[in-house]
Amino acid sequence: METISYACHTAYLDPMTGSGLLVRPNPDDDVATPTEPGKIYATLSIHEADWDAVMRDLGHRGGEPSRDDKDDLILNGHTSDGDEVIALYGEDSIIDEPTIEQTRESFVELHRLAGVVDGLV
């Protein structure tokens, strides 16, 4: 298992199965980035900027968020602090076709590491 701490997000990845989870920060903790007086340009919040960095990094690692048939992120639960935990998947895994048991063990361990308290474990 691999844990990657970003500025606001934390990813938990299992390179064996290609599975993963991403803990998203609480939206109430977000802060808009400051702009220079007199300058007009698009600004991102801290969470948005970090999300973009996380997506780039995960993309370089061959991973991305899992999405449902409506293209919505797949929510796997929340932490005890109420942070959302979303599913990740990787294109490349060490095991080409993990067994059901390997997938279940990965799922349980990822949820434990991410601190999921109300998910699908």
PDB file of N, CA and C in Angstrom:
ATOM      1  N   MET A   1       0.848  -1.178   0.000  1.00  0.00           N
ATOM      2  CA  MET A   1       0.000   0.000   0.000  1.00  0.00           C
ATOM      3  C   MET A   1       0.890   1.237   0.000  1.00  0.00           C
ATOM      4  N   GLU A   2       0.419   2.245  -0.678  1.00  0.00           N
ATOM      5  CA  GLU A   2       1.164   3.499  -0.774  1.00  0.00           C
ATOM      6  C   GLU A   2       0.251   4.645  -0.348  1.00  0.00           C
ATOM      7  N   THR A   3       0.778   5.526   0.486  1.00  0.00           N
ATOM      8  CA  THR A   3       0.048   6.711   0.917  1.00  0.00           C
ATOM      9  C   THR A   3       0.739   7.926   0.329  1.00  0.00           C
ATOM     10  N   ILE A   4      -0.041   8.789  -0.325  1.00  0.00           N
ATOM     11  CA  ILE A   4       0.511  10.016  -0.912  1.00  0.00           C
ATOM     12  C   ILE A   4      -0.249  11.189  -0.313  1.00  0.00           C
ATOM     13  N   SER A   5       0.466  12.034   0.404  1.00  0.00           N
ATOM     14  CA  SER A   5      -0.131  13.222   1.015  1.00  0.00           C
ATOM     15  C   SER A   5       0.135  14.421   0.116  1.00  0.00           C
ATOM     16  N   TYR A   6      -0.935  15.041  -0.314  1.00  0.00           N
ATOM     17  CA  TYR A   6      -0.851  16.260  -1.105  1.00  0.00           C
ATOM     18  C   TYR A   6      -1.126  17.434  -0.168  1.00  0.00           C
ATOM     19  N   ALA A   7      -1.273  18.617  -0.694  1.00  0.00           N
ATOM     20  CA  ALA A   7      -1.517  19.787   0.152  1.00  0.00           C
ATOM     21  C   ALA A   7      -2.805  19.632   0.959  1.00  0.00           C
ATOM     22  N   CYS A   8      -3.879  19.182   0.317  1.00  0.00           N
ATOM     23  CA  CYS A   8      -5.183  19.067   0.995  1.00  0.00           C
ATOM     24  C   CYS A   8      -5.794  17.673   0.900  1.00  0.00           C
ATOM     25  N   HIS A   9      -5.374  16.883  -0.056  1.00  0.00           N
ATOM     26  CA  HIS A   9      -5.936  15.559  -0.299  1.00  0.00           C
ATOM     27  C   HIS A   9      -4.923  14.492   0.136  1.00  0.00           C
ATOM     28  N   THR A  10      -5.435  13.280   0.383  1.00  0.00           N
ATOM     29  CA  THR A  10      -4.557  12.149   0.668  1.00  0.00           C
ATOM     30  C   THR A  10      -5.042  10.961  -0.137  1.00  0.00           C
ATOM     31  N   ALA A  11      -4.109  10.342  -0.881  1.00  0.00           N
ATOM     32  CA  ALA A  11      -4.431   9.172  -1.686  1.00  0.00           C
ATOM     33  C   ALA A  11      -3.845   7.925  -1.045  1.00  0.00           C
ATOM     34  N   TYR A  12      -4.600   6.847  -1.117  1.00  0.00           N
ATOM     35  CA  TYR A  12      -4.167   5.538  -0.653  1.00  0.00           C
ATOM     36  C   TYR A  12      -4.273   4.613  -1.858  1.00  0.00           C
ATOM     37  N   LEU A  13      -3.147   4.062  -2.276  1.00  0.00           N
ATOM     38  CA  LEU A  13      -3.099   3.266  -3.497  1.00  0.00           C
ATOM     39  C   LEU A  13      -2.598   1.858  -3.205  1.00  0.00           C
ATOM     40  N   ASP A  14      -3.179   0.900  -3.889  1.00  0.00           N
ATOM     41  CA  ASP A  14      -2.713  -0.476  -3.827  1.00  0.00           C
ATOM     42  C   ASP A  14      -2.186  -0.844  -5.209  1.00  0.00           C
ATOM     43  N   PRO A  15      -0.868  -0.809  -5.402  1.00  0.00           N
ATOM     44  CA  PRO A  15      -0.321  -1.109  -6.719  1.00  0.00           C
ATOM     45  C   PRO A  15      -0.545  -2.565  -7.145  1.00  0.00           C
ATOM     46  N   MET A  16      -0.782  -3.454  -6.180  1.00  0.00           N
ATOM     47  CA  MET A  16      -1.016  -4.856  -6.531  1.00  0.00           C
ATOM     48  C   MET A  16      -2.308  -5.014  -7.332  1.00  0.00           C
ATOM     49  N   THR A  17      -3.384  -4.360  -6.886  1.00  0.00           N
ATOM     50  CA  THR A  17      -4.689  -4.539  -7.532  1.00  0.00           C
ATOM     51  C   THR A  17      -5.091  -3.357  -8.419  1.00  0.00           C
ATOM     52  N   GLY A  18      -4.382  -2.242  -8.291  1.00  0.00           N
ATOM     53  CA  GLY A  18      -4.761  -1.045  -9.042  1.00  0.00           C
ATOM     54  C   GLY A  18      -5.889  -0.264  -8.392  1.00  0.00           C
ATOM     55  N   SER A  19      -6.262  -0.634  -7.179  1.00  0.00           N
ATOM     56  CA  SER A  19      -7.340   0.049  -6.459  1.00  0.00           C
ATOM     57  C   SER A  19      -6.779   1.199  -5.638  1.00  0.00           C
ATOM     58  N   GLY A  20      -7.669   2.121  -5.264  1.00  0.00           N
ATOM     59  CA  GLY A  20      -7.237   3.214  -4.410  1.00  0.00           C
ATOM     60  C   GLY A  20      -8.404   4.017  -3.886  1.00  0.00           C
ATOM     61  N   LEU A  21      -8.094   4.876  -2.930  1.00  0.00           N
ATOM     62  CA  LEU A  21      -9.068   5.795  -2.356  1.00  0.00           C
ATOM     63  C   LEU A  21      -8.420   7.167  -2.238  1.00  0.00           C
ATOM     64  N   LEU A  22      -9.237   8.194  -2.345  1.00  0.00           N
ATOM     65  CA  LEU A  22      -8.765   9.564  -2.183  1.00  0.00           C
ATOM     66  C   LEU A  22      -9.650  10.263  -1.165  1.00  0.00           C
ATOM     67  N   VAL A  23      -9.016  10.764  -0.101  1.00  0.00           N
ATOM     68  CA  VAL A  23      -9.734  11.527   0.912  1.00  0.00           C
ATOM     69  C   VAL A  23      -9.707  12.983   0.490  1.00  0.00           C
ATOM     70  N   ARG A  24     -10.910  13.536   0.321  1.00  0.00           N
ATOM     71  CA  ARG A  24     -11.043  14.935  -0.089  1.00  0.00           C
ATOM     72  C   ARG A  24     -11.177  15.824   1.145  1.00  0.00           C
ATOM     73  N   PRO A  25     -10.653  17.034   1.086  1.00  0.00           N
ATOM     74  CA  PRO A  25     -10.748  17.924   2.247  1.00  0.00           C
ATOM     75  C   PRO A  25     -12.165  18.451   2.441  1.00  0.00           C
ATOM     76  N   ASN A  26     -12.447  18.870   3.662  1.00  0.00           N
ATOM     77  CA  ASN A  26     -13.743  19.438   3.986  1.00  0.00           C
ATOM     78  C   ASN A  26     -13.917  20.753   3.231  1.00  0.00           C
ATOM     79  N   PRO A  27     -15.006  20.908   2.463  1.00  0.00           N
ATOM     80  CA  PRO A  27     -15.224  22.138   1.693  1.00  0.00           C
ATOM     81  C   PRO A  27     -15.251  23.404   2.552  1.00  0.00           C
ATOM     82  N   ASP A  28     -15.642  23.265   3.821  1.00  0.00           N
ATOM     83  CA  ASP A  28     -15.686  24.432   4.711  1.00  0.00           C
ATOM     84  C   ASP A  28     -14.292  24.975   5.023  1.00  0.00           C
ATOM     85  N   ASP A  29     -13.260  24.162   4.783  1.00  0.00           N
ATOM     86  CA  ASP A  29     -11.887  24.580   5.066  1.00  0.00           C
ATOM     87  C   ASP A  29     -11.209  25.221   3.854  1.00  0.00           C
ATOM     88  N   ASP A  30     -11.917  25.368   2.756  1.00  0.00           N
ATOM     89  CA  ASP A  30     -11.316  25.904   1.534  1.00  0.00           C
ATOM     90  C   ASP A  30     -11.078  27.407   1.646  1.00  0.00           C
ATOM     91  N   VAL A  31     -10.078  27.878   0.921  1.00  0.00           N
ATOM     92  CA  VAL A  31      -9.712  29.290   0.914  1.00  0.00           C
ATOM     93  C   VAL A  31      -9.453  29.699  -0.535  1.00  0.00           C
ATOM     94  N   ALA A  32     -10.017  30.833  -0.923  1.00  0.00           N
ATOM     95  CA  ALA A  32      -9.753  31.353  -2.271  1.00  0.00           C
ATOM     96  C   ALA A  32      -8.323  31.868  -2.325  1.00  0.00           C
ATOM     97  N   THR A  33      -7.686  31.674  -3.473  1.00  0.00           N
ATOM     98  CA  THR A  33      -6.332  32.194  -3.619  1.00  0.00           C
ATOM     99  C   THR A  33      -6.396  33.698  -3.830  1.00  0.00           C
ATOM    100  N   PRO A  34      -5.444  34.419  -3.280  1.00  0.00           N
ATOM    101  CA  PRO A  34      -5.485  35.884  -3.431  1.00  0.00           C
ATOM    102  C   PRO A  34      -5.164  36.306  -4.860  1.00  0.00           C
ATOM    103  N   THR A  35      -5.711  37.429  -5.243  1.00  0.00           N
ATOM    104  CA  THR A  35      -5.402  38.004  -6.554  1.00  0.00           C
ATOM    105  C   THR A  35      -4.655  39.308  -6.342  1.00  0.00           C
ATOM    106  N   GLU A  36      -3.884  39.654  -7.341  1.00  0.00           N
ATOM    107  CA  GLU A  36      -3.169  40.928  -7.277  1.00  0.00           C
ATOM    108  C   GLU A  36      -4.143  42.051  -7.591  1.00  0.00           C
ATOM    109  N   PRO A  37      -4.090  43.148  -6.849  1.00  0.00           N
ATOM    110  CA  PRO A  37      -4.961  44.290  -7.153  1.00  0.00           C
ATOM    111  C   PRO A  37      -4.734  44.758  -8.593  1.00  0.00           C
ATOM    112  N   GLY A  38      -5.822  44.999  -9.295  1.00  0.00           N
ATOM    113  CA  GLY A  38      -5.732  45.494 -10.668  1.00  0.00           C
ATOM    114  C   GLY A  38      -5.548  44.416 -11.709  1.00  0.00           C
ATOM    115  N   LYS A  39      -5.328  43.188 -11.303  1.00  0.00           N
ATOM    116  CA  LYS A  39      -5.143  42.079 -12.245  1.00  0.00           C
ATOM    117  C   LYS A  39      -6.458  41.324 -12.384  1.00  0.00           C
ATOM    118  N   ILE A  40      -6.802  40.985 -13.604  1.00  0.00           N
ATOM    119  CA  ILE A  40      -8.008  40.213 -13.856  1.00  0.00           C
ATOM    120  C   ILE A  40      -7.588  38.871 -14.441  1.00  0.00           C
ATOM    121  N   TYR A  41      -7.767  37.832 -13.678  1.00  0.00           N
ATOM    122  CA  TYR A  41      -7.516  36.485 -14.151  1.00  0.00           C
ATOM    123  C   TYR A  41      -8.287  35.511 -13.270  1.00  0.00           C
ATOM    124  N   ALA A  42      -8.492  34.347 -13.806  1.00  0.00           N
ATOM    125  CA  ALA A  42      -9.254  33.349 -13.063  1.00  0.00           C
ATOM    126  C   ALA A  42      -8.465  32.908 -11.836  1.00  0.00           C
ATOM    127  N   THR A  43      -9.161  32.742 -10.739  1.00  0.00           N
ATOM    128  CA  THR A  43      -8.507  32.260  -9.529  1.00  0.00           C
ATOM    129  C   THR A  43      -9.088  30.916  -9.143  1.00  0.00           C
ATOM    130  N   LEU A  44      -8.277  30.116  -8.539  1.00  0.00           N
ATOM    131  CA  LEU A  44      -8.707  28.834  -8.020  1.00  0.00           C
ATOM    132  C   LEU A  44      -8.643  28.892  -6.508  1.00  0.00           C
ATOM    133  N   SER A  45      -9.495  28.134  -5.877  1.00  0.00           N
ATOM    134  CA  SER A  45      -9.370  27.998  -4.429  1.00  0.00           C
ATOM    135  C   SER A  45      -8.201  27.050  -4.150  1.00  0.00           C
ATOM    136  N   ILE A  46      -7.807  26.984  -2.899  1.00  0.00           N
ATOM    137  CA  ILE A  46      -6.726  26.077  -2.511  1.00  0.00           C
ATOM    138  C   ILE A  46      -7.105  24.633  -2.840  1.00  0.00           C
ATOM    139  N   HIS A  47      -8.339  24.230  -2.543  1.00  0.00           N
ATOM    140  CA  HIS A  47      -8.774  22.862  -2.818  1.00  0.00           C
ATOM    141  C   HIS A  47      -8.804  22.581  -4.320  1.00  0.00           C
ATOM    142  N   GLU A  48      -9.270  23.540  -5.105  1.00  0.00           N
ATOM    143  CA  GLU A  48      -9.311  23.348  -6.563  1.00  0.00           C
ATOM    144  C   GLU A  48      -7.909  23.211  -7.136  1.00  0.00           C
ATOM    145  N   ALA A  49      -7.003  24.047  -6.678  1.00  0.00           N
ATOM    146  CA  ALA A  49      -5.623  23.981  -7.164  1.00  0.00           C
ATOM    147  C   ALA A  49      -4.989  22.647  -6.772  1.00  0.00           C
ATOM    148  N   ASP A  50      -5.242  22.202  -5.554  1.00  0.00           N
ATOM    149  CA  ASP A  50      -4.693  20.923  -5.117  1.00  0.00           C
ATOM    150  C   ASP A  50      -5.326  19.772  -5.897  1.00  0.00           C
ATOM    151  N   TRP A  51      -6.641  19.830  -6.135  1.00  0.00           N
ATOM    152  CA  TRP A  51      -7.328  18.793  -6.925  1.00  0.00           C
ATOM    153  C   TRP A  51      -6.661  18.667  -8.297  1.00  0.00           C
ATOM    154  N   ASP A  52      -6.399  19.795  -8.939  1.00  0.00           N
ATOM    155  CA  ASP A  52      -5.741  19.766 -10.248  1.00  0.00           C
ATOM    156  C   ASP A  52      -4.370  19.101 -10.161  1.00  0.00           C
ATOM    157  N   ALA A  53      -3.613  19.423  -9.120  1.00  0.00           N
ATOM    158  CA  ALA A  53      -2.286  18.821  -8.934  1.00  0.00           C
ATOM    159  C   ALA A  53      -2.403  17.321  -8.668  1.00  0.00           C
ATOM    160  N   VAL A  54      -3.382  16.931  -7.863  1.00  0.00           N
ATOM    161  CA  VAL A  54      -3.600  15.516  -7.558  1.00  0.00           C
ATOM    162  C   VAL A  54      -3.949  14.759  -8.837  1.00  0.00           C
ATOM    163  N   MET A  55      -4.848  15.309  -9.644  1.00  0.00           N
ATOM    164  CA  MET A  55      -5.253  14.634 -10.876  1.00  0.00           C
ATOM    165  C   MET A  55      -4.070  14.479 -11.841  1.00  0.00           C
ATOM    166  N   ARG A  56      -3.228  15.504 -11.926  1.00  0.00           N
ATOM    167  CA  ARG A  56      -2.030  15.400 -12.776  1.00  0.00           C
ATOM    168  C   ARG A  56      -1.103  14.299 -12.255  1.00  0.00           C
ATOM    169  N   ASP A  57      -0.864  14.296 -10.947  1.00  0.00           N
ATOM    170  CA  ASP A  57       0.034  13.299 -10.370  1.00  0.00           C
ATOM    171  C   ASP A  57      -0.527  11.887 -10.537  1.00  0.00           C
ATOM    172  N   LEU A  58      -1.800  11.705 -10.228  1.00  0.00           N
ATOM    173  CA  LEU A  58      -2.396  10.380 -10.396  1.00  0.00           C
ATOM    174  C   LEU A  58      -2.364   9.942 -11.854  1.00  0.00           C
ATOM    175  N   GLY A  59      -2.604  10.888 -12.762  1.00  0.00           N
ATOM    176  CA  GLY A  59      -2.537  10.580 -14.188  1.00  0.00           C
ATOM    177  C   GLY A  59      -1.160  10.084 -14.599  1.00  0.00           C
ATOM    178  N   HIS A  60      -0.104  10.700 -14.062  1.00  0.00           N
ATOM    179  CA  HIS A  60       1.264  10.249 -14.341  1.00  0.00           C
ATOM    180  C   HIS A  60       1.509   8.857 -13.775  1.00  0.00           C
ATOM    181  N   ARG A  61       0.793   8.518 -12.712  1.00  0.00           N
ATOM    182  CA  ARG A  61       0.923   7.198 -12.085  1.00  0.00           C
ATOM    183  C   ARG A  61      -0.009   6.171 -12.730  1.00  0.00           C
ATOM    184  N   GLY A  62      -0.807   6.592 -13.716  1.00  0.00           N
ATOM    185  CA  GLY A  62      -1.723   5.685 -14.392  1.00  0.00           C
ATOM    186  C   GLY A  62      -3.045   5.507 -13.683  1.00  0.00           C
ATOM    187  N   GLY A  63      -3.401   6.444 -12.788  1.00  0.00           N
ATOM    188  CA  GLY A  63      -4.647   6.321 -12.040  1.00  0.00           C
ATOM    189  C   GLY A  63      -5.561   7.512 -12.249  1.00  0.00           C
ATOM    190  N   GLU A  64      -6.784   7.339 -11.814  1.00  0.00           N
ATOM    191  CA  GLU A  64      -7.776   8.413 -11.875  1.00  0.00           C
ATOM    192  C   GLU A  64      -8.972   8.049 -11.014  1.00  0.00           C
ATOM    193  N   PRO A  65      -9.851   9.022 -10.752  1.00  0.00           N
ATOM    194  CA  PRO A  65     -11.051   8.717  -9.968  1.00  0.00           C
ATOM    195  C   PRO A  65     -11.983   7.770 -10.723  1.00  0.00           C
ATOM    196  N   SER A  66     -12.621   6.891  -9.980  1.00  0.00           N
ATOM    197  CA  SER A  66     -13.640   6.021 -10.558  1.00  0.00           C
ATOM    198  C   SER A  66     -14.918   6.840 -10.706  1.00  0.00           C
ATOM    199  N   ARG A  67     -15.634   6.592 -11.799  1.00  0.00           N
ATOM    200  CA  ARG A  67     -16.868   7.331 -12.073  1.00  0.00           C
ATOM    201  C   ARG A  67     -17.984   6.347 -12.408  1.00  0.00           C
ATOM    202  N   ASP A  68     -19.219   6.754 -12.092  1.00  0.00           N
ATOM    203  CA  ASP A  68     -20.366   5.913 -12.401  1.00  0.00           C
ATOM    204  C   ASP A  68     -20.818   6.176 -13.836  1.00  0.00           C
ATOM    205  N   ASP A  69     -21.942   5.565 -14.222  1.00  0.00           N
ATOM    206  CA  ASP A  69     -22.416   5.705 -15.598  1.00  0.00           C
ATOM    207  C   ASP A  69     -22.930   7.102 -15.930  1.00  0.00           C
ATOM    208  N   LYS A  70     -23.078   7.962 -14.916  1.00  0.00           N
ATOM    209  CA  LYS A  70     -23.470   9.359 -15.147  1.00  0.00           C
ATOM    210  C   LYS A  70     -22.255  10.278 -15.098  1.00  0.00           C
ATOM    211  N   ASP A  71     -21.051   9.677 -15.002  1.00  0.00           N
ATOM    212  CA  ASP A  71     -19.781  10.387 -14.937  1.00  0.00           C
ATOM    213  C   ASP A  71     -19.570  11.109 -13.612  1.00  0.00           C
ATOM    214  N   ASP A  72     -20.305  10.698 -12.568  1.00  0.00           N
ATOM    215  CA  ASP A  72     -20.118  11.257 -11.233  1.00  0.00           C
ATOM    216  C   ASP A  72     -19.043  10.455 -10.497  1.00  0.00           C
ATOM    217  N   LEU A  73     -18.305  11.127  -9.620  1.00  0.00           N
ATOM    218  CA  LEU A  73     -17.316  10.442  -8.796  1.00  0.00           C
ATOM    219  C   LEU A  73     -18.007   9.410  -7.925  1.00  0.00           C
ATOM    220  N   ILE A  74     -17.355   8.270  -7.703  1.00  0.00           N
ATOM    221  CA  ILE A  74     -17.928   7.226  -6.865  1.00  0.00           C
ATOM    222  C   ILE A  74     -17.490   7.455  -5.420  1.00  0.00           C
ATOM    223  N   LEU A  75     -18.460   7.748  -4.580  1.00  0.00           N
ATOM    224  CA  LEU A  75     -18.220   8.001  -3.165  1.00  0.00           C
ATOM    225  C   LEU A  75     -18.160   6.671  -2.423  1.00  0.00           C
ATOM    226  N   ASN A  76     -17.089   6.460  -1.645  1.00  0.00           N
ATOM    227  CA  ASN A  76     -16.931   5.230  -0.865  1.00  0.00           C
ATOM    228  C   ASN A  76     -17.182   5.429   0.613  1.00  0.00           C
ATOM    229  N   GLY A  77     -17.566   6.622   1.014  1.00  0.00           N
ATOM    230  CA  GLY A  77     -17.862   6.871   2.411  1.00  0.00           C
ATOM    231  C   GLY A  77     -17.243   8.162   2.893  1.00  0.00           C
ATOM    232  N   HIS A  78     -17.135   8.267   4.211  1.00  0.00           N
ATOM    233  CA  HIS A  78     -16.598   9.469   4.857  1.00  0.00           C
ATOM    234  C   HIS A  78     -15.657   9.065   5.981  1.00  0.00           C
ATOM    235  N   THR A  79     -14.753   9.964   6.321  1.00  0.00           N
ATOM    236  CA  THR A  79     -13.893   9.772   7.486  1.00  0.00           C
ATOM    237  C   THR A  79     -14.655  10.217   8.730  1.00  0.00           C
ATOM    238  N   SER A  80     -14.066  10.005   9.890  1.00  0.00           N
ATOM    239  CA  SER A  80     -14.712  10.439  11.135  1.00  0.00           C
ATOM    240  C   SER A  80     -14.843  11.960  11.202  1.00  0.00           C
ATOM    241  N   ASP A  81     -14.021  12.681  10.427  1.00  0.00           N
ATOM    242  CA  ASP A  81     -14.114  14.145  10.353  1.00  0.00           C
ATOM    243  C   ASP A  81     -15.153  14.608   9.332  1.00  0.00           C
ATOM    244  N   GLY A  82     -15.765  13.661   8.619  1.00  0.00           N
ATOM    245  CA  GLY A  82     -16.767  14.004   7.619  1.00  0.00           C
ATOM    246  C   GLY A  82     -16.219  14.237   6.226  1.00  0.00           C
ATOM    247  N   ASP A  83     -14.920  14.007   6.028  1.00  0.00           N
ATOM    248  CA  ASP A  83     -14.332  14.194   4.697  1.00  0.00           C
ATOM    249  C   ASP A  83     -14.800  13.083   3.764  1.00  0.00           C
ATOM    250  N   GLU A  84     -15.109  13.449   2.514  1.00  0.00           N
ATOM    251  CA  GLU A  84     -15.506  12.462   1.514  1.00  0.00           C
ATOM    252  C   GLU A  84     -14.326  11.602   1.112  1.00  0.00           C
ATOM    253  N   VAL A  85     -14.621  10.326   0.836  1.00  0.00           N
ATOM    254  CA  VAL A  85     -13.616   9.391   0.348  1.00  0.00           C
ATOM    255  C   VAL A  85     -14.130   8.840  -0.972  1.00  0.00           C
ATOM    256  N   ILE A  86     -13.363   9.068  -2.036  1.00  0.00           N
ATOM    257  CA  ILE A  86     -13.791   8.606  -3.355  1.00  0.00           C
ATOM    258  C   ILE A  86     -12.882   7.482  -3.846  1.00  0.00           C
ATOM    259  N   ALA A  87     -13.426   6.679  -4.740  1.00  0.00           N
ATOM    260  CA  ALA A  87     -12.703   5.535  -5.293  1.00  0.00           C
ATOM    261  C   ALA A  87     -11.743   5.979  -6.388  1.00  0.00           C
ATOM    262  N   LEU A  88     -10.608   5.289  -6.453  1.00  0.00           N
ATOM    263  CA  LEU A  88      -9.627   5.490  -7.517  1.00  0.00           C
ATOM    264  C   LEU A  88      -9.362   4.146  -8.186  1.00  0.00           C
ATOM    265  N   TYR A  89      -8.931   4.195  -9.422  1.00  0.00           N
ATOM    266  CA  TYR A  89      -8.479   2.966 -10.054  1.00  0.00           C
ATOM    267  C   TYR A  89      -7.258   3.275 -10.902  1.00  0.00           C
ATOM    268  N   GLY A  90      -6.435   2.253 -11.062  1.00  0.00           N
ATOM    269  CA  GLY A  90      -5.230   2.394 -11.856  1.00  0.00           C
ATOM    270  C   GLY A  90      -5.269   1.496 -13.067  1.00  0.00           C
ATOM    271  N   GLU A  91      -4.727   2.007 -14.148  1.00  0.00           N
ATOM    272  CA  GLU A  91      -4.664   1.227 -15.390  1.00  0.00           C
ATOM    273  C   GLU A  91      -3.709   0.047 -15.252  1.00  0.00           C
ATOM    274  N   ASP A  92      -2.622   0.275 -14.553  1.00  0.00           N
ATOM    275  CA  ASP A  92      -1.603  -0.753 -14.410  1.00  0.00           C
ATOM    276  C   ASP A  92      -1.586  -1.265 -12.983  1.00  0.00           C
ATOM    277  N   SER A  93      -1.691  -2.556 -12.834  1.00  0.00           N
ATOM    278  CA  SER A  93      -1.560  -3.165 -11.517  1.00  0.00           C
ATOM    279  C   SER A  93      -0.519  -4.275 -11.624  1.00  0.00           C
ATOM    280  N   ILE A  94       0.062  -4.617 -10.505  1.00  0.00           N
ATOM    281  CA  ILE A  94       1.070  -5.672 -10.506  1.00  0.00           C
ATOM    282  C   ILE A  94       0.420  -7.003 -10.846  1.00  0.00           C
ATOM    283  N   ILE A  95      -0.776  -7.236 -10.306  1.00  0.00           N
ATOM    284  CA  ILE A  95      -1.535  -8.447 -10.615  1.00  0.00           C
ATOM    285  C   ILE A  95      -2.477  -8.104 -11.762  1.00  0.00           C
ATOM    286  N   ASP A  96      -2.344  -8.808 -12.889  1.00  0.00           N
ATOM    287  CA  ASP A  96      -3.186  -8.507 -14.052  1.00  0.00           C
ATOM    288  C   ASP A  96      -4.673  -8.680 -13.761  1.00  0.00           C
ATOM    289  N   GLU A  97      -5.036  -9.769 -13.123  1.00  0.00           N
ATOM    290  CA  GLU A  97      -6.435 -10.034 -12.802  1.00  0.00           C
ATOM    291  C   GLU A  97      -6.532 -10.491 -11.349  1.00  0.00           C
ATOM    292  N   PRO A  98      -6.675  -9.515 -10.413  1.00  0.00           N
ATOM    293  CA  PRO A  98      -6.771  -9.898  -8.998  1.00  0.00           C
ATOM    294  C   PRO A  98      -7.978 -10.795  -8.752  1.00  0.00           C
ATOM    295  N   THR A  99      -7.799 -11.740  -7.841  1.00  0.00           N
ATOM    296  CA  THR A  99      -8.912 -12.615  -7.464  1.00  0.00           C
ATOM    297  C   THR A  99      -9.911 -11.815  -6.626  1.00  0.00           C
ATOM    298  N   ILE A 100     -11.055 -12.383  -6.416  1.00  0.00           N
ATOM    299  CA  ILE A 100     -12.067 -11.740  -5.575  1.00  0.00           C
ATOM    300  C   ILE A 100     -11.510 -11.545  -4.171  1.00  0.00           C
ATOM    301  N   GLU A 101     -10.798 -12.541  -3.658  1.00  0.00           N
ATOM    302  CA  GLU A 101     -10.214 -12.443  -2.310  1.00  0.00           C
ATOM    303  C   GLU A 101      -9.162 -11.332  -2.248  1.00  0.00           C
ATOM    304  N   GLN A 102      -8.305 -11.229  -3.254  1.00  0.00           N
ATOM    305  CA  GLN A 102      -7.294 -10.165  -3.283  1.00  0.00           C
ATOM    306  C   GLN A 102      -7.959  -8.791  -3.362  1.00  0.00           C
ATOM    307  N   THR A 103      -9.010  -8.685  -4.147  1.00  0.00           N
ATOM    308  CA  THR A 103      -9.736  -7.428  -4.282  1.00  0.00           C
ATOM    309  C   THR A 103     -10.410  -7.057  -2.966  1.00  0.00           C
ATOM    310  N   ARG A 104     -11.017  -8.040  -2.299  1.00  0.00           N
ATOM    311  CA  ARG A 104     -11.673  -7.798  -1.017  1.00  0.00           C
ATOM    312  C   ARG A 104     -10.657  -7.356   0.034  1.00  0.00           C
ATOM    313  N   GLU A 105      -9.525  -8.039   0.120  1.00  0.00           N
ATOM    314  CA  GLU A 105      -8.487  -7.678   1.089  1.00  0.00           C
ATOM    315  C   GLU A 105      -7.970  -6.260   0.828  1.00  0.00           C
ATOM    316  N   SER A 106      -7.780  -5.921  -0.428  1.00  0.00           N
ATOM    317  CA  SER A 106      -7.325  -4.579  -0.789  1.00  0.00           C
ATOM    318  C   SER A 106      -8.361  -3.544  -0.372  1.00  0.00           C
ATOM    319  N   PHE A 107      -9.618  -3.820  -0.671  1.00  0.00           N
ATOM    320  CA  PHE A 107     -10.724  -2.924  -0.356  1.00  0.00           C
ATOM    321  C   PHE A 107     -10.784  -2.644   1.150  1.00  0.00           C
ATOM    322  N   VAL A 108     -10.700  -3.702   1.950  1.00  0.00           N
ATOM    323  CA  VAL A 108     -10.773  -3.561   3.402  1.00  0.00           C
ATOM    324  C   VAL A 108      -9.580  -2.768   3.924  1.00  0.00           C
ATOM    325  N   GLU A 109      -8.379  -3.082   3.461  1.00  0.00           N
ATOM    326  CA  GLU A 109      -7.182  -2.392   3.937  1.00  0.00           C
ATOM    327  C   GLU A 109      -7.174  -0.923   3.510  1.00  0.00           C
ATOM    328  N   LEU A 110      -7.577  -0.626   2.284  1.00  0.00           N
ATOM    329  CA  LEU A 110      -7.644   0.766   1.828  1.00  0.00           C
ATOM    330  C   LEU A 110      -8.624   1.565   2.684  1.00  0.00           C
ATOM    331  N   HIS A 111      -9.780   0.991   2.983  1.00  0.00           N
ATOM    332  CA  HIS A 111     -10.769   1.678   3.820  1.00  0.00           C
ATOM    333  C   HIS A 111     -10.248   1.912   5.232  1.00  0.00           C
ATOM    334  N   ARG A 112      -9.496   0.940   5.762  1.00  0.00           N
ATOM    335  CA  ARG A 112      -8.901   1.099   7.092  1.00  0.00           C
ATOM    336  C   ARG A 112      -7.875   2.233   7.067  1.00  0.00           C
ATOM    337  N   LEU A 113      -6.996   2.224   6.074  1.00  0.00           N
ATOM    338  CA  LEU A 113      -5.959   3.267   5.987  1.00  0.00           C
ATOM    339  C   LEU A 113      -6.560   4.656   5.816  1.00  0.00           C
ATOM    340  N   ALA A 114      -7.617   4.758   5.020  1.00  0.00           N
ATOM    341  CA  ALA A 114      -8.247   6.057   4.759  1.00  0.00           C
ATOM    342  C   ALA A 114      -9.120   6.517   5.928  1.00  0.00           C
ATOM    343  N   GLY A 115      -9.400   5.636   6.857  1.00  0.00           N
ATOM    344  CA  GLY A 115     -10.220   6.006   8.013  1.00  0.00           C
ATOM    345  C   GLY A 115     -11.690   6.101   7.683  1.00  0.00           C
ATOM    346  N   VAL A 116     -12.156   5.310   6.730  1.00  0.00           N
ATOM    347  CA  VAL A 116     -13.567   5.325   6.348  1.00  0.00           C
ATOM    348  C   VAL A 116     -14.390   4.736   7.487  1.00  0.00           C
ATOM    349  N   VAL A 117     -15.412   5.511   7.923  1.00  0.00           N
ATOM    350  CA  VAL A 117     -16.239   5.055   9.043  1.00  0.00           C
ATOM    351  C   VAL A 117     -17.654   4.676   8.627  1.00  0.00           C
ATOM    352  N   ASP A 118     -18.075   5.086   7.446  1.00  0.00           N
ATOM    353  CA  ASP A 118     -19.447   4.787   7.047  1.00  0.00           C
ATOM    354  C   ASP A 118     -19.522   4.301   5.605  1.00  0.00           C
ATOM    355  N   GLY A 119     -18.479   3.639   5.165  1.00  0.00           N
ATOM    356  CA  GLY A 119     -18.416   3.216   3.773  1.00  0.00           C
ATOM    357  C   GLY A 119     -18.953   1.833   3.539  1.00  0.00           C
ATOM    358  N   LEU A 120     -18.526   1.271   2.455  1.00  0.00           N
ATOM    359  CA  LEU A 120     -19.033   0.000   1.986  1.00  0.00           C
ATOM    360  C   LEU A 120     -18.166  -1.168   2.402  1.00  0.00           C
ATOM    361  N   VAL A 121     -17.598  -1.135   3.588  1.00  0.00           N
ATOM    362  CA  VAL A 121     -16.709  -2.211   4.038  1.00  0.00           C
ATOM    363  C   VAL A 121     -17.527  -3.357   4.596  1.00  0.00           C
TER     364      VAL A 121
END
